[in-house]
Amino acid sequence: MLRRTTAFFVCFALCWINTPAQSAELSGAWKIDTRGGPAPLCILVQVGDNLNGSCSEPQAAGTVAGTVVGPAVRWRWQWAAYSGHVAGALDFVGVLGADNTMTGVAGRRETGLSLNFTAKTFVPPGAAAPPAAPPIDANTAAHAGGGYASVNGWRTVVTPESEGTGNPQYRWQRIPPLAQNHSHNPFGRRARHCERARHVRTPTARNVAMAERSEKYLFGSAPR
């Protein structure tokens, strides 16, 4: 297990260094499967290479902060239980594949926990599927619109590698979903739990005992 995990992190680091500047677009809802651990639903909002949002599951909820470089993604979920004043953090490190599935490792720094995870986009039952990217080239649409275009839930943004060159190039970016506290957001109830989660104290890396207690709460036992 340790050898497989180490190999993945080496692969991830190489991917992080060598990938093109244009990052994957991750805004939306993602269902996480940690294969034996928590399986939160995460609402991710990507702005440039920065990732924010929230994750929630039946026992806990909390906020997300991370980064995206090319297909490589990493974020930390600061979670807190709905009851019992138990809190912790789970770090996700993964890669977005060609089939739009994220795979990687979820871990706890405090206890050395390491779990493989997969994540797939999630569409709530009865909801319409997210719109596909417009068929027209983003550069063409942006130039026709004076540097900006918005079509069917997508908008044009300047690619990072062309910023400041005097010759901006454009790509399509999914318009982020409604804010968590928006009245029309179907995940608004979960967002309120996440808001409370921010006010619960998170254990420090030195407090191993507290970390293991929170881990047992979330997993039922402390897997290795």
Foldseek 3Di string as FASTA:
>chain_A
DVVVQVVQVVVLVVCQVPADQFWDFDAAWKFKDQPQFDTWIWGWDDDRFWIKGKTDDPFKIAIKTWGTGHQWTKIKGWIAGLDDLATEIKIWTWGQDPVRKTWHWIDHLQPGDITIMIMHGDDPPPHDDQDDDDPDFLQVQCVVVVRWDDDRQKIWDWRPVCPPVVDTDIDIHGNHDDDLCDPPDPNVVSVVRHVVSVPRDYDDSVPSVSNLVSRCVRNVHNDD
